[in-house]
Amino acid sequence: MEETLQISVDEEIREELNDMTSLLDGILERREKEAKVKIIQNMLADHTPYEKIKLYTNATDAEIAEVEKEMLVN
């Protein structure tokens, strides 16, 4: 950051930036998972075979089964 923006950054600011970056990464990861689950739900609702769901979402059999189980419960 110092080289790119020519701003001096002390260790405390550097740690805060790392914390914020980690938090953002966690949020993005959760959003991606939620989107993947929604896609799997839609595909299951359309009676798409597991193999095709796995192909399009990179989900495992266990992930698909878990989504399917949750759909049956709700």
C-alpha atoms as a PDB file:
ATOM      1  CA  MET A   1       0.000   0.000   0.000  1.00  0.00           C
ATOM      2  CA  GLU A   2       2.849   2.324   0.796  1.00  0.00           C
ATOM      3  CA  GLU A   3       4.384   1.851  -2.645  1.00  0.00           C
ATOM      4  CA  THR A   4       1.103   1.968  -4.552  1.00  0.00           C
ATOM      5  CA  LEU A   5      -0.598   4.880  -2.813  1.00  0.00           C
ATOM      6  CA  GLN A   6       2.476   6.457  -1.241  1.00  0.00           C
ATOM      7  CA  ILE A   7       0.804   6.365   2.172  1.00  0.00           C
ATOM      8  CA  SER A   8       2.770   5.292   5.201  1.00  0.00           C
ATOM      9  CA  VAL A   9       1.030   2.557   7.151  1.00  0.00           C
ATOM     10  CA  ASP A  10       1.920   1.653  10.712  1.00  0.00           C
ATOM     11  CA  GLU A  11       1.546  -1.855  12.113  1.00  0.00           C
ATOM     12  CA  GLU A  12      -1.801  -1.125  13.822  1.00  0.00           C
ATOM     13  CA  ILE A  13      -3.372   0.097  10.576  1.00  0.00           C
ATOM     14  CA  ARG A  14      -1.852  -2.838   8.717  1.00  0.00           C
ATOM     15  CA  GLU A  15      -3.480  -5.267  11.199  1.00  0.00           C
ATOM     16  CA  GLU A  16      -6.839  -3.499  10.900  1.00  0.00           C
ATOM     17  CA  LEU A  17      -6.648  -3.700   7.109  1.00  0.00           C
ATOM     18  CA  ASN A  18      -5.849  -7.417   7.341  1.00  0.00           C
ATOM     19  CA  ASP A  19      -8.829  -7.912   9.687  1.00  0.00           C
ATOM     20  CA  MET A  20     -11.149  -6.049   7.316  1.00  0.00           C
ATOM     21  CA  THR A  21      -9.849  -8.050   4.362  1.00  0.00           C
ATOM     22  CA  SER A  22     -10.456 -11.307   6.235  1.00  0.00           C
ATOM     23  CA  LEU A  23     -13.959 -10.173   7.148  1.00  0.00           C
ATOM     24  CA  LEU A  24     -14.710  -9.272   3.533  1.00  0.00           C
ATOM     25  CA  ASP A  25     -13.350 -12.628   2.371  1.00  0.00           C
ATOM     26  CA  GLY A  26     -15.670 -14.376   4.830  1.00  0.00           C
ATOM     27  CA  ILE A  27     -18.675 -12.378   3.629  1.00  0.00           C
ATOM     28  CA  LEU A  28     -17.899 -13.120  -0.013  1.00  0.00           C
ATOM     29  CA  GLU A  29     -17.403 -16.807   0.727  1.00  0.00           C
ATOM     30  CA  ARG A  30     -20.769 -16.958   2.516  1.00  0.00           C
ATOM     31  CA  ARG A  31     -22.511 -15.174  -0.382  1.00  0.00           C
ATOM     32  CA  GLU A  32     -20.988 -17.584  -2.896  1.00  0.00           C
ATOM     33  CA  LYS A  33     -22.178 -20.536  -0.830  1.00  0.00           C
ATOM     34  CA  GLU A  34     -25.689 -19.059  -0.557  1.00  0.00           C
ATOM     35  CA  ALA A  35     -25.791 -18.533  -4.328  1.00  0.00           C
ATOM     36  CA  LYS A  36     -24.598 -22.100  -4.941  1.00  0.00           C
ATOM     37  CA  VAL A  37     -27.272 -23.481  -2.614  1.00  0.00           C
ATOM     38  CA  LYS A  38     -29.954 -21.458  -4.408  1.00  0.00           C
ATOM     39  CA  ILE A  39     -28.822 -22.780  -7.788  1.00  0.00           C
ATOM     40  CA  ILE A  40     -28.843 -26.348  -6.472  1.00  0.00           C
ATOM     41  CA  GLN A  41     -32.338 -25.821  -5.028  1.00  0.00           C
ATOM     42  CA  ASN A  42     -33.610 -24.553  -8.370  1.00  0.00           C
ATOM     43  CA  MET A  43     -32.038 -27.437 -10.248  1.00  0.00           C
ATOM     44  CA  LEU A  44     -33.450 -29.985  -7.807  1.00  0.00           C
ATOM     45  CA  ALA A  45     -36.881 -28.386  -8.135  1.00  0.00           C
ATOM     46  CA  ASP A  46     -36.561 -28.915 -11.908  1.00  0.00           C
ATOM     47  CA  HIS A  47     -35.648 -32.586 -11.258  1.00  0.00           C
ATOM     48  CA  THR A  48     -32.150 -32.155 -12.653  1.00  0.00           C
ATOM     49  CA  PRO A  49     -29.992 -35.256 -12.138  1.00  0.00           C
ATOM     50  CA  TYR A  50     -27.174 -35.063  -9.570  1.00  0.00           C
ATOM     51  CA  GLU A  51     -24.544 -35.527 -12.276  1.00  0.00           C
ATOM     52  CA  LYS A  52     -25.712 -32.444 -14.144  1.00  0.00           C
ATOM     53  CA  ILE A  53     -25.931 -30.417 -10.914  1.00  0.00           C
ATOM     54  CA  LYS A  54     -22.379 -31.474 -10.057  1.00  0.00           C
ATOM     55  CA  LEU A  55     -21.216 -30.509 -13.533  1.00  0.00           C
ATOM     56  CA  TYR A  56     -22.705 -27.003 -13.375  1.00  0.00           C
ATOM     57  CA  THR A  57     -22.049 -26.175  -9.722  1.00  0.00           C
ATOM     58  CA  ASN A  58     -18.968 -28.223  -8.783  1.00  0.00           C
ATOM     59  CA  ALA A  59     -20.993 -29.473  -5.811  1.00  0.00           C
ATOM     60  CA  THR A  60     -20.331 -32.831  -4.232  1.00  0.00           C
ATOM     61  CA  ASP A  61     -22.947 -35.537  -3.804  1.00  0.00           C
ATOM     62  CA  ALA A  62     -22.952 -34.726  -0.077  1.00  0.00           C
ATOM     63  CA  GLU A  63     -23.597 -31.008  -0.698  1.00  0.00           C
ATOM     64  CA  ILE A  64     -26.468 -31.772  -3.060  1.00  0.00           C
ATOM     65  CA  ALA A  65     -27.947 -34.296  -0.645  1.00  0.00           C
ATOM     66  CA  GLU A  66     -27.748 -31.761   2.190  1.00  0.00           C
ATOM     67  CA  VAL A  67     -29.578 -29.129   0.129  1.00  0.00           C
ATOM     68  CA  GLU A  68     -32.174 -31.703  -0.880  1.00  0.00           C
ATOM     69  CA  LYS A  69     -32.641 -32.723   2.768  1.00  0.00           C
ATOM     70  CA  GLU A  70     -33.121 -29.090   3.804  1.00  0.00           C
ATOM     71  CA  MET A  71     -35.700 -28.627   1.045  1.00  0.00           C
ATOM     72  CA  LEU A  72     -37.674 -31.617   2.328  1.00  0.00           C
ATOM     73  CA  VAL A  73     -37.600 -30.297   5.889  1.00  0.00           C
ATOM     74  CA  ASN A  74     -38.809 -26.829   4.921  1.00  0.00           C
END
